[in-house]
Amino acid sequence: MDVVTIPALQVLLLAIMFLAVLVEIKTGGMGAGVLLGLVAAAVFWGSQYVRGLVDLYQIAMFLAGILCIVFEMLMPTIGLLAGVGVAAMLYSVVLALGGDIQAIYAMLIAFLVSIAGFALIVKRLPSSRLWNKVVLKDQSEAARGYVSTTPKHELLGKEGEVLSELRPSGAVLLDGVPVDVISEGAFIPKGEKVRVVAVEGVRVVVRKV
Protein backbone atom coordinates (compact mmCIF):
# COMPACT_ATOMS: atom_id res chain seq x y z
CA MET A 1 0.00 0.00 0.00
CA ASP A 2 1.53 3.33 -1.06
CA VAL A 3 0.59 6.84 -0.13
CA VAL A 4 -1.92 7.38 -2.89
CA THR A 5 -4.11 4.54 -1.62
CA ILE A 6 -4.67 6.30 1.74
CA PRO A 7 -8.14 7.87 1.62
CA ALA A 8 -7.99 11.57 0.81
CA LEU A 9 -10.74 12.16 3.35
CA GLN A 10 -8.49 10.99 6.17
CA VAL A 11 -5.75 13.40 5.09
CA LEU A 12 -8.29 16.21 4.87
CA LEU A 13 -9.62 15.46 8.35
CA LEU A 14 -6.09 15.40 9.74
CA ALA A 15 -5.29 18.71 8.04
CA ILE A 16 -8.38 20.30 9.62
CA MET A 17 -7.39 18.93 13.03
CA PHE A 18 -3.83 20.26 12.77
CA LEU A 19 -5.08 23.61 11.51
CA ALA A 20 -7.47 23.84 14.45
CA VAL A 21 -4.58 23.20 16.88
CA LEU A 22 -2.48 25.92 15.25
CA VAL A 23 -5.40 28.35 15.35
CA GLU A 24 -6.00 27.54 19.03
CA ILE A 25 -2.32 28.14 19.87
CA LYS A 26 -2.41 31.43 17.96
CA THR A 27 -5.68 32.76 19.39
CA GLY A 28 -6.07 30.96 22.70
CA GLY A 29 -9.86 30.97 22.36
CA MET A 30 -12.67 28.73 21.23
CA GLY A 31 -13.82 29.77 17.77
CA ALA A 32 -15.37 28.37 14.64
CA GLY A 33 -12.02 26.94 13.52
CA VAL A 34 -11.53 25.06 16.77
CA LEU A 35 -15.09 23.70 16.68
CA LEU A 36 -14.52 22.52 13.12
CA GLY A 37 -11.34 20.81 14.30
CA LEU A 38 -13.24 19.04 17.07
CA VAL A 39 -15.81 17.82 14.56
CA ALA A 40 -13.03 16.60 12.25
CA ALA A 41 -11.35 14.81 15.18
CA ALA A 42 -14.62 13.17 16.19
CA VAL A 43 -15.24 11.94 12.63
CA PHE A 44 -11.66 10.70 12.19
CA TRP A 45 -11.36 8.86 15.49
CA GLY A 46 -14.95 7.65 15.43
CA SER A 47 -14.60 6.11 11.98
CA GLN A 48 -11.28 4.50 12.87
CA TYR A 49 -12.69 3.09 16.10
CA VAL A 50 -15.82 1.69 14.42
CA ARG A 51 -13.63 -0.01 11.82
CA GLY A 52 -11.51 -1.51 14.61
CA LEU A 53 -8.36 0.26 13.49
CA VAL A 54 -7.76 2.05 16.78
CA ASP A 55 -8.37 1.34 20.43
CA LEU A 56 -8.99 3.51 23.44
CA TYR A 57 -5.22 3.85 24.04
CA GLN A 58 -4.66 5.89 20.87
CA ILE A 59 -7.74 8.00 21.49
CA ALA A 60 -6.70 8.64 25.10
CA MET A 61 -3.21 9.67 23.95
CA PHE A 62 -4.69 12.13 21.46
CA LEU A 63 -6.97 13.63 24.11
CA ALA A 64 -4.05 13.84 26.54
CA GLY A 65 -2.12 15.82 23.95
CA ILE A 66 -4.99 18.28 23.62
CA LEU A 67 -5.17 18.63 27.42
CA CYS A 68 -1.44 19.38 27.57
CA ILE A 69 -1.88 22.21 25.08
CA VAL A 70 -4.89 23.57 27.01
CA PHE A 71 -2.93 23.46 30.29
CA GLU A 72 -0.03 25.23 28.57
CA MET A 73 -2.31 28.11 27.65
CA LEU A 74 -3.67 28.36 31.20
CA MET A 75 -0.41 27.96 33.13
CA PRO A 76 2.69 30.23 32.98
CA THR A 77 5.15 27.56 31.81
CA ILE A 78 7.91 27.71 29.21
CA GLY A 79 6.12 25.76 26.47
CA LEU A 80 7.12 22.23 27.56
CA LEU A 81 3.55 20.99 27.94
CA ALA A 82 2.65 22.24 24.47
CA GLY A 83 5.57 20.32 22.98
CA VAL A 84 4.60 17.15 24.82
CA GLY A 85 0.99 17.61 23.73
CA VAL A 86 1.86 18.01 20.05
CA ALA A 87 4.18 14.99 20.18
CA ALA A 88 1.45 12.86 21.79
CA MET A 89 -1.08 13.93 19.19
CA LEU A 90 1.22 13.16 16.27
CA TYR A 91 2.21 9.78 17.72
CA SER A 92 -1.41 8.78 18.25
CA VAL A 93 -2.30 9.80 14.70
CA VAL A 94 0.53 7.69 13.26
CA LEU A 95 -0.69 4.70 15.27
CA ALA A 96 -4.25 5.32 14.09
CA LEU A 97 -3.14 5.26 10.46
CA GLY A 98 -1.34 1.95 10.83
CA GLY A 99 1.98 2.90 12.39
CA ASP A 100 3.98 2.36 9.20
CA ILE A 101 5.88 4.63 6.82
CA GLN A 102 2.74 5.33 4.76
CA ALA A 103 1.06 6.61 7.91
CA ILE A 104 3.95 9.02 8.48
CA TYR A 105 3.71 10.21 4.86
CA ALA A 106 -0.03 10.81 5.23
CA MET A 107 0.48 12.72 8.47
CA LEU A 108 3.22 14.87 6.91
CA ILE A 109 1.02 15.69 3.91
CA ALA A 110 -1.83 16.69 6.21
CA PHE A 111 0.54 18.75 8.37
CA LEU A 112 1.94 20.60 5.34
CA VAL A 113 -1.57 21.34 4.12
CA SER A 114 -2.50 22.73 7.53
CA ILE A 115 0.66 24.85 7.63
CA ALA A 116 -0.19 26.30 4.22
CA GLY A 117 -3.71 27.13 5.34
CA PHE A 118 -2.48 28.61 8.60
CA ALA A 119 0.02 30.83 6.76
CA LEU A 120 -2.85 32.36 4.80
CA ILE A 121 -4.81 33.40 7.90
CA VAL A 122 -2.21 33.85 10.64
CA LYS A 123 -1.95 37.64 10.25
CA ARG A 124 -5.70 38.02 10.67
CA LEU A 125 -5.81 36.15 13.99
CA PRO A 126 -5.23 37.65 17.45
CA SER A 127 -2.21 36.42 19.40
CA SER A 128 -2.49 34.44 22.62
CA ARG A 129 0.00 34.30 25.49
CA LEU A 130 1.25 30.89 24.33
CA TRP A 131 1.82 32.18 20.79
CA ASN A 132 3.81 35.14 22.14
CA LYS A 133 5.97 32.73 24.11
CA VAL A 134 6.84 30.51 21.16
CA VAL A 135 7.23 33.30 18.61
CA LEU A 136 9.64 36.18 19.25
CA LYS A 137 7.86 39.36 18.24
CA ASP A 138 9.75 42.15 20.01
CA GLN A 139 12.26 44.09 18.00
CA SER A 140 14.91 46.49 19.18
CA GLU A 141 13.57 49.48 17.31
CA ALA A 142 14.90 53.00 17.54
CA ALA A 143 11.34 54.28 18.01
CA ARG A 144 11.16 52.28 21.25
CA GLY A 145 14.42 53.70 22.56
CA TYR A 146 16.75 50.95 21.39
CA VAL A 147 19.92 52.23 19.76
CA SER A 148 23.20 50.42 19.26
CA THR A 149 25.33 53.51 19.83
CA THR A 150 24.43 57.18 19.65
CA PRO A 151 26.62 59.17 17.22
CA LYS A 152 28.62 61.80 19.08
CA HIS A 153 28.36 64.69 16.64
CA GLU A 154 28.53 67.21 19.47
CA LEU A 155 32.21 66.31 19.92
CA LEU A 156 33.17 67.65 16.51
CA GLY A 157 35.80 70.40 16.88
CA LYS A 158 36.43 69.80 20.57
CA GLU A 159 39.97 69.49 21.95
CA GLY A 160 41.22 67.19 24.65
CA GLU A 161 44.17 65.32 26.13
CA VAL A 162 45.25 61.83 25.09
CA LEU A 163 44.77 59.44 28.01
CA SER A 164 46.28 56.38 26.34
CA GLU A 165 48.58 56.12 23.34
CA LEU A 166 46.73 56.25 20.03
CA ARG A 167 48.03 53.36 17.88
CA PRO A 168 45.85 54.58 16.17
CA SER A 169 42.96 53.90 18.61
CA GLY A 170 42.86 54.85 22.25
CA ALA A 171 41.16 57.14 24.75
CA VAL A 172 41.00 60.93 24.91
CA LEU A 173 39.65 63.13 27.70
CA LEU A 174 37.02 65.44 26.19
CA ASP A 175 35.09 67.79 28.47
CA GLY A 176 36.21 65.69 31.41
CA VAL A 177 34.83 62.46 29.93
CA PRO A 178 37.00 59.63 28.51
CA VAL A 179 36.05 58.92 24.89
CA ASP A 180 37.26 56.11 22.64
CA VAL A 181 38.79 57.65 19.52
CA ILE A 182 40.98 56.86 16.56
CA SER A 183 43.72 59.04 15.13
CA GLU A 184 44.11 59.90 11.46
CA GLY A 185 46.73 57.21 11.15
CA ALA A 186 49.71 58.64 12.99
CA PHE A 187 50.86 57.53 16.43
CA ILE A 188 50.01 60.08 19.13
CA PRO A 189 51.62 59.66 22.57
CA LYS A 190 49.89 60.05 25.90
CA GLY A 191 49.48 63.64 27.14
CA GLU A 192 49.32 65.26 23.70
CA LYS A 193 46.53 67.65 22.74
CA VAL A 194 44.19 66.55 19.97
CA ARG A 195 41.14 67.91 18.20
CA VAL A 196 38.11 65.98 16.94
CA VAL A 197 38.07 66.40 13.17
CA ALA A 198 35.37 63.92 12.20
CA VAL A 199 32.53 61.83 13.64
CA GLU A 200 31.73 58.91 11.34
CA GLY A 201 28.89 56.99 12.92
CA VAL A 202 30.41 55.57 16.09
CA ARG A 203 33.99 56.46 15.09
CA VAL A 204 35.46 59.63 16.58
CA VAL A 205 38.50 60.73 14.56
CA VAL A 206 41.09 63.02 16.12
CA ARG A 207 44.16 64.93 14.89
CA LYS A 208 47.14 66.18 16.86
CA VAL A 209 46.91 69.91 17.57
C-alpha atoms as a PDB file:
ATOM      1  CA  MET A   1       0.000   0.000   0.000  1.00  0.00           C
ATOM      2  CA  ASP A   2       1.530   3.330  -1.057  1.00  0.00           C
ATOM      3  CA  VAL A   3       0.592   6.845  -0.130  1.00  0.00           C
ATOM      4  CA  VAL A   4      -1.924   7.380  -2.894  1.00  0.00           C
ATOM      5  CA  THR A   5      -4.111   4.544  -1.615  1.00  0.00           C
ATOM      6  CA  ILE A   6      -4.665   6.303   1.735  1.00  0.00           C
ATOM      7  CA  PRO A   7      -8.144   7.875   1.616  1.00  0.00           C
ATOM      8  CA  ALA A   8      -7.986  11.566   0.813  1.00  0.00           C
ATOM      9  CA  LEU A   9     -10.742  12.164   3.353  1.00  0.00           C
ATOM     10  CA  GLN A  10      -8.487  10.990   6.168  1.00  0.00           C
ATOM     11  CA  VAL A  11      -5.747  13.398   5.090  1.00  0.00           C
ATOM     12  CA  LEU A  12      -8.286  16.212   4.875  1.00  0.00           C
ATOM     13  CA  LEU A  13      -9.621  15.458   8.351  1.00  0.00           C
ATOM     14  CA  LEU A  14      -6.093  15.405   9.743  1.00  0.00           C
ATOM     15  CA  ALA A  15      -5.286  18.711   8.038  1.00  0.00           C
ATOM     16  CA  ILE A  16      -8.375  20.304   9.620  1.00  0.00           C
ATOM     17  CA  MET A  17      -7.387  18.929  13.025  1.00  0.00           C
ATOM     18  CA  PHE A  18      -3.832  20.259  12.766  1.00  0.00           C
ATOM     19  CA  LEU A  19      -5.081  23.606  11.506  1.00  0.00           C
ATOM     20  CA  ALA A  20      -7.465  23.843  14.453  1.00  0.00           C
ATOM     21  CA  VAL A  21      -4.584  23.200  16.881  1.00  0.00           C
ATOM     22  CA  LEU A  22      -2.484  25.920  15.248  1.00  0.00           C
ATOM     23  CA  VAL A  23      -5.402  28.349  15.354  1.00  0.00           C
ATOM     24  CA  GLU A  24      -5.996  27.541  19.026  1.00  0.00           C
ATOM     25  CA  ILE A  25      -2.324  28.141  19.871  1.00  0.00           C
ATOM     26  CA  LYS A  26      -2.413  31.433  17.956  1.00  0.00           C
ATOM     27  CA  THR A  27      -5.676  32.763  19.388  1.00  0.00           C
ATOM     28  CA  GLY A  28      -6.069  30.964  22.703  1.00  0.00           C
ATOM     29  CA  GLY A  29      -9.855  30.968  22.356  1.00  0.00           C
ATOM     30  CA  MET A  30     -12.667  28.727  21.226  1.00  0.00           C
ATOM     31  CA  GLY A  31     -13.819  29.768  17.768  1.00  0.00           C
ATOM     32  CA  ALA A  32     -15.366  28.368  14.637  1.00  0.00           C
ATOM     33  CA  GLY A  33     -12.017  26.944  13.517  1.00  0.00           C
ATOM     34  CA  VAL A  34     -11.532  25.062  16.766  1.00  0.00           C
ATOM     35  CA  LEU A  35     -15.090  23.696  16.683  1.00  0.00           C
ATOM     36  CA  LEU A  36     -14.516  22.522  13.117  1.00  0.00           C
ATOM     37  CA  GLY A  37     -11.341  20.814  14.297  1.00  0.00           C
ATOM     38  CA  LEU A  38     -13.237  19.036  17.068  1.00  0.00           C
ATOM     39  CA  VAL A  39     -15.808  17.819  14.559  1.00  0.00           C
ATOM     40  CA  ALA A  40     -13.032  16.599  12.254  1.00  0.00           C
ATOM     41  CA  ALA A  41     -11.351  14.811  15.182  1.00  0.00           C
ATOM     42  CA  ALA A  42     -14.619  13.170  16.188  1.00  0.00           C
ATOM     43  CA  VAL A  43     -15.241  11.945  12.627  1.00  0.00           C
ATOM     44  CA  PHE A  44     -11.665  10.703  12.192  1.00  0.00           C
ATOM     45  CA  TRP A  45     -11.362   8.864  15.494  1.00  0.00           C
ATOM     46  CA  GLY A  46     -14.951   7.652  15.429  1.00  0.00           C
ATOM     47  CA  SER A  47     -14.602   6.114  11.976  1.00  0.00           C
ATOM     48  CA  GLN A  48     -11.279   4.498  12.865  1.00  0.00           C
ATOM     49  CA  TYR A  49     -12.692   3.092  16.104  1.00  0.00           C
ATOM     50  CA  VAL A  50     -15.815   1.687  14.425  1.00  0.00           C
ATOM     51  CA  ARG A  51     -13.634  -0.009  11.821  1.00  0.00           C
ATOM     52  CA  GLY A  52     -11.512  -1.508  14.608  1.00  0.00           C
ATOM     53  CA  LEU A  53      -8.356   0.262  13.487  1.00  0.00           C
ATOM     54  CA  VAL A  54      -7.758   2.052  16.779  1.00  0.00           C
ATOM     55  CA  ASP A  55      -8.373   1.340  20.432  1.00  0.00           C
ATOM     56  CA  LEU A  56      -8.987   3.515  23.442  1.00  0.00           C
ATOM     57  CA  TYR A  57      -5.222   3.850  24.038  1.00  0.00           C
ATOM     58  CA  GLN A  58      -4.657   5.895  20.867  1.00  0.00           C
ATOM     59  CA  ILE A  59      -7.745   8.002  21.495  1.00  0.00           C
ATOM     60  CA  ALA A  60      -6.698   8.637  25.097  1.00  0.00           C
ATOM     61  CA  MET A  61      -3.214   9.667  23.955  1.00  0.00           C
ATOM     62  CA  PHE A  62      -4.685  12.132  21.461  1.00  0.00           C
ATOM     63  CA  LEU A  63      -6.966  13.627  24.110  1.00  0.00           C
ATOM     64  CA  ALA A  64      -4.046  13.839  26.543  1.00  0.00           C
ATOM     65  CA  GLY A  65      -2.115  15.820  23.947  1.00  0.00           C
ATOM     66  CA  ILE A  66      -4.989  18.282  23.624  1.00  0.00           C
ATOM     67  CA  LEU A  67      -5.173  18.625  27.418  1.00  0.00           C
ATOM     68  CA  CYS A  68      -1.437  19.377  27.568  1.00  0.00           C
ATOM     69  CA  ILE A  69      -1.883  22.209  25.075  1.00  0.00           C
ATOM     70  CA  VAL A  70      -4.887  23.566  27.011  1.00  0.00           C
ATOM     71  CA  PHE A  71      -2.928  23.463  30.290  1.00  0.00           C
ATOM     72  CA  GLU A  72      -0.027  25.229  28.575  1.00  0.00           C
ATOM     73  CA  MET A  73      -2.311  28.113  27.654  1.00  0.00           C
ATOM     74  CA  LEU A  74      -3.665  28.356  31.204  1.00  0.00           C
ATOM     75  CA  MET A  75      -0.414  27.959  33.126  1.00  0.00           C
ATOM     76  CA  PRO A  76       2.690  30.230  32.977  1.00  0.00           C
ATOM     77  CA  THR A  77       5.148  27.556  31.806  1.00  0.00           C
ATOM     78  CA  ILE A  78       7.907  27.711  29.211  1.00  0.00           C
ATOM     79  CA  GLY A  79       6.120  25.757  26.468  1.00  0.00           C
ATOM     80  CA  LEU A  80       7.124  22.233  27.561  1.00  0.00           C
ATOM     81  CA  LEU A  81       3.554  20.995  27.939  1.00  0.00           C
ATOM     82  CA  ALA A  82       2.651  22.241  24.472  1.00  0.00           C
ATOM     83  CA  GLY A  83       5.575  20.324  22.977  1.00  0.00           C
ATOM     84  CA  VAL A  84       4.597  17.151  24.820  1.00  0.00           C
ATOM     85  CA  GLY A  85       0.989  17.606  23.731  1.00  0.00           C
ATOM     86  CA  VAL A  86       1.861  18.015  20.052  1.00  0.00           C
ATOM     87  CA  ALA A  87       4.180  14.989  20.185  1.00  0.00           C
ATOM     88  CA  ALA A  88       1.451  12.860  21.795  1.00  0.00           C
ATOM     89  CA  MET A  89      -1.083  13.928  19.187  1.00  0.00           C
ATOM     90  CA  LEU A  90       1.218  13.157  16.271  1.00  0.00           C
ATOM     91  CA  TYR A  91       2.210   9.784  17.715  1.00  0.00           C
ATOM     92  CA  SER A  92      -1.409   8.777  18.253  1.00  0.00           C
ATOM     93  CA  VAL A  93      -2.298   9.795  14.699  1.00  0.00           C
ATOM     94  CA  VAL A  94       0.534   7.691  13.261  1.00  0.00           C
ATOM     95  CA  LEU A  95      -0.686   4.695  15.266  1.00  0.00           C
ATOM     96  CA  ALA A  96      -4.249   5.323  14.088  1.00  0.00           C
ATOM     97  CA  LEU A  97      -3.137   5.257  10.458  1.00  0.00           C
ATOM     98  CA  GLY A  98      -1.340   1.947  10.833  1.00  0.00           C
ATOM     99  CA  GLY A  99       1.980   2.904  12.393  1.00  0.00           C
ATOM    100  CA  ASP A 100       3.983   2.365   9.198  1.00  0.00           C
ATOM    101  CA  ILE A 101       5.879   4.631   6.818  1.00  0.00           C
ATOM    102  CA  GLN A 102       2.741   5.328   4.755  1.00  0.00           C
ATOM    103  CA  ALA A 103       1.064   6.605   7.915  1.00  0.00           C
ATOM    104  CA  ILE A 104       3.953   9.024   8.480  1.00  0.00           C
ATOM    105  CA  TYR A 105       3.706  10.213   4.862  1.00  0.00           C
ATOM    106  CA  ALA A 106      -0.026  10.810   5.230  1.00  0.00           C
ATOM    107  CA  MET A 107       0.477  12.717   8.471  1.00  0.00           C
ATOM    108  CA  LEU A 108       3.220  14.867   6.914  1.00  0.00           C
ATOM    109  CA  ILE A 109       1.022  15.689   3.912  1.00  0.00           C
ATOM    110  CA  ALA A 110      -1.831  16.694   6.212  1.00  0.00           C
ATOM    111  CA  PHE A 111       0.536  18.749   8.371  1.00  0.00           C
ATOM    112  CA  LEU A 112       1.940  20.600   5.345  1.00  0.00           C
ATOM    113  CA  VAL A 113      -1.571  21.342   4.116  1.00  0.00           C
ATOM    114  CA  SER A 114      -2.504  22.725   7.534  1.00  0.00           C
ATOM    115  CA  ILE A 115       0.662  24.854   7.633  1.00  0.00           C
ATOM    116  CA  ALA A 116      -0.190  26.304   4.218  1.00  0.00           C
ATOM    117  CA  GLY A 117      -3.711  27.133   5.339  1.00  0.00           C
ATOM    118  CA  PHE A 118      -2.477  28.614   8.597  1.00  0.00           C
ATOM    119  CA  ALA A 119       0.022  30.826   6.758  1.00  0.00           C
ATOM    120  CA  LEU A 120      -2.852  32.359   4.805  1.00  0.00           C
ATOM    121  CA  ILE A 121      -4.809  33.396   7.899  1.00  0.00           C
ATOM    122  CA  VAL A 122      -2.206  33.848  10.636  1.00  0.00           C
ATOM    123  CA  LYS A 123      -1.948  37.636  10.254  1.00  0.00           C
ATOM    124  CA  ARG A 124      -5.704  38.018  10.671  1.00  0.00           C
ATOM    125  CA  LEU A 125      -5.807  36.154  13.986  1.00  0.00           C
ATOM    126  CA  PRO A 126      -5.230  37.647  17.455  1.00  0.00           C
ATOM    127  CA  SER A 127      -2.208  36.417  19.397  1.00  0.00           C
ATOM    128  CA  SER A 128      -2.485  34.440  22.620  1.00  0.00           C
ATOM    129  CA  ARG A 129       0.003  34.303  25.491  1.00  0.00           C
ATOM    130  CA  LEU A 130       1.247  30.893  24.327  1.00  0.00           C
ATOM    131  CA  TRP A 131       1.819  32.176  20.789  1.00  0.00           C
ATOM    132  CA  ASN A 132       3.806  35.141  22.136  1.00  0.00           C
ATOM    133  CA  LYS A 133       5.974  32.728  24.109  1.00  0.00           C
ATOM    134  CA  VAL A 134       6.845  30.506  21.162  1.00  0.00           C
ATOM    135  CA  VAL A 135       7.229  33.302  18.611  1.00  0.00           C
ATOM    136  CA  LEU A 136       9.642  36.178  19.251  1.00  0.00           C
ATOM    137  CA  LYS A 137       7.863  39.364  18.242  1.00  0.00           C
ATOM    138  CA  ASP A 138       9.747  42.149  20.012  1.00  0.00           C
ATOM    139  CA  GLN A 139      12.263  44.088  17.999  1.00  0.00           C
ATOM    140  CA  SER A 140      14.909  46.487  19.182  1.00  0.00           C
ATOM    141  CA  GLU A 141      13.575  49.481  17.308  1.00  0.00           C
ATOM    142  CA  ALA A 142      14.897  53.002  17.541  1.00  0.00           C
ATOM    143  CA  ALA A 143      11.336  54.282  18.008  1.00  0.00           C
ATOM    144  CA  ARG A 144      11.158  52.283  21.246  1.00  0.00           C
ATOM    145  CA  GLY A 145      14.417  53.696  22.564  1.00  0.00           C
ATOM    146  CA  TYR A 146      16.754  50.954  21.387  1.00  0.00           C
ATOM    147  CA  VAL A 147      19.920  52.233  19.764  1.00  0.00           C
ATOM    148  CA  SER A 148      23.200  50.418  19.257  1.00  0.00           C
ATOM    149  CA  THR A 149      25.334  53.510  19.834  1.00  0.00           C
ATOM    150  CA  THR A 150      24.429  57.175  19.647  1.00  0.00           C
ATOM    151  CA  PRO A 151      26.622  59.173  17.222  1.00  0.00           C
ATOM    152  CA  LYS A 152      28.623  61.802  19.084  1.00  0.00           C
ATOM    153  CA  HIS A 153      28.356  64.692  16.635  1.00  0.00           C
ATOM    154  CA  GLU A 154      28.532  67.209  19.475  1.00  0.00           C
ATOM    155  CA  LEU A 155      32.211  66.307  19.919  1.00  0.00           C
ATOM    156  CA  LEU A 156      33.168  67.649  16.506  1.00  0.00           C
ATOM    157  CA  GLY A 157      35.801  70.400  16.883  1.00  0.00           C
ATOM    158  CA  LYS A 158      36.434  69.795  20.571  1.00  0.00           C
ATOM    159  CA  GLU A 159      39.970  69.494  21.947  1.00  0.00           C
ATOM    160  CA  GLY A 160      41.225  67.195  24.654  1.00  0.00           C
ATOM    161  CA  GLU A 161      44.171  65.322  26.129  1.00  0.00           C
ATOM    162  CA  VAL A 162      45.251  61.834  25.094  1.00  0.00           C
ATOM    163  CA  LEU A 163      44.772  59.438  28.010  1.00  0.00           C
ATOM    164  CA  SER A 164      46.282  56.384  26.340  1.00  0.00           C
ATOM    165  CA  GLU A 165      48.577  56.120  23.343  1.00  0.00           C
ATOM    166  CA  LEU A 166      46.726  56.249  20.035  1.00  0.00           C
ATOM    167  CA  ARG A 167      48.031  53.359  17.876  1.00  0.00           C
ATOM    168  CA  PRO A 168      45.848  54.585  16.171  1.00  0.00           C
ATOM    169  CA  SER A 169      42.956  53.900  18.611  1.00  0.00           C
ATOM    170  CA  GLY A 170      42.855  54.850  22.253  1.00  0.00           C
ATOM    171  CA  ALA A 171      41.157  57.143  24.752  1.00  0.00           C
ATOM    172  CA  VAL A 172      40.997  60.934  24.905  1.00  0.00           C
ATOM    173  CA  LEU A 173      39.648  63.132  27.702  1.00  0.00           C
ATOM    174  CA  LEU A 174      37.019  65.436  26.185  1.00  0.00           C
ATOM    175  CA  ASP A 175      35.093  67.793  28.467  1.00  0.00           C
ATOM    176  CA  GLY A 176      36.211  65.691  31.410  1.00  0.00           C
ATOM    177  CA  VAL A 177      34.827  62.463  29.927  1.00  0.00           C
ATOM    178  CA  PRO A 178      36.997  59.627  28.512  1.00  0.00           C
ATOM    179  CA  VAL A 179      36.049  58.923  24.890  1.00  0.00           C
ATOM    180  CA  ASP A 180      37.262  56.113  22.641  1.00  0.00           C
ATOM    181  CA  VAL A 181      38.786  57.645  19.516  1.00  0.00           C
ATOM    182  CA  ILE A 182      40.984  56.860  16.558  1.00  0.00           C
ATOM    183  CA  SER A 183      43.718  59.040  15.132  1.00  0.00           C
ATOM    184  CA  GLU A 184      44.113  59.897  11.462  1.00  0.00           C
ATOM    185  CA  GLY A 185      46.729  57.207  11.154  1.00  0.00           C
ATOM    186  CA  ALA A 186      49.712  58.642  12.994  1.00  0.00           C
ATOM    187  CA  PHE A 187      50.857  57.532  16.428  1.00  0.00           C
ATOM    188  CA  ILE A 188      50.012  60.076  19.126  1.00  0.00           C
ATOM    189  CA  PRO A 189      51.621  59.659  22.568  1.00  0.00           C
ATOM    190  CA  LYS A 190      49.892  60.050  25.905  1.00  0.00           C
ATOM    191  CA  GLY A 191      49.477  63.638  27.137  1.00  0.00           C
ATOM    192  CA  GLU A 192      49.317  65.262  23.696  1.00  0.00           C
ATOM    193  CA  LYS A 193      46.532  67.655  22.738  1.00  0.00           C
ATOM    194  CA  VAL A 194      44.193  66.545  19.968  1.00  0.00           C
ATOM    195  CA  ARG A 195      41.139  67.908  18.202  1.00  0.00           C
ATOM    196  CA  VAL A 196      38.106  65.980  16.943  1.00  0.00           C
ATOM    197  CA  VAL A 197      38.073  66.402  13.169  1.00  0.00           C
ATOM    198  CA  ALA A 198      35.365  63.923  12.200  1.00  0.00           C
ATOM    199  CA  VAL A 199      32.526  61.833  13.638  1.00  0.00           C
ATOM    200  CA  GLU A 200      31.731  58.909  11.342  1.00  0.00           C
ATOM    201  CA  GLY A 201      28.892  56.986  12.919  1.00  0.00           C
ATOM    202  CA  VAL A 202      30.413  55.567  16.094  1.00  0.00           C
ATOM    203  CA  ARG A 203      33.990  56.461  15.092  1.00  0.00           C
ATOM    204  CA  VAL A 204      35.463  59.633  16.578  1.00  0.00           C
ATOM    205  CA  VAL A 205      38.501  60.726  14.564  1.00  0.00           C
ATOM    206  CA  VAL A 206      41.090  63.019  16.118  1.00  0.00           C
ATOM    207  CA  ARG A 207      44.157  64.933  14.893  1.00  0.00           C
ATOM    208  CA  LYS A 208      47.136  66.177  16.858  1.00  0.00           C
ATOM    209  CA  VAL A 209      46.912  69.914  17.567  1.00  0.00           C
END
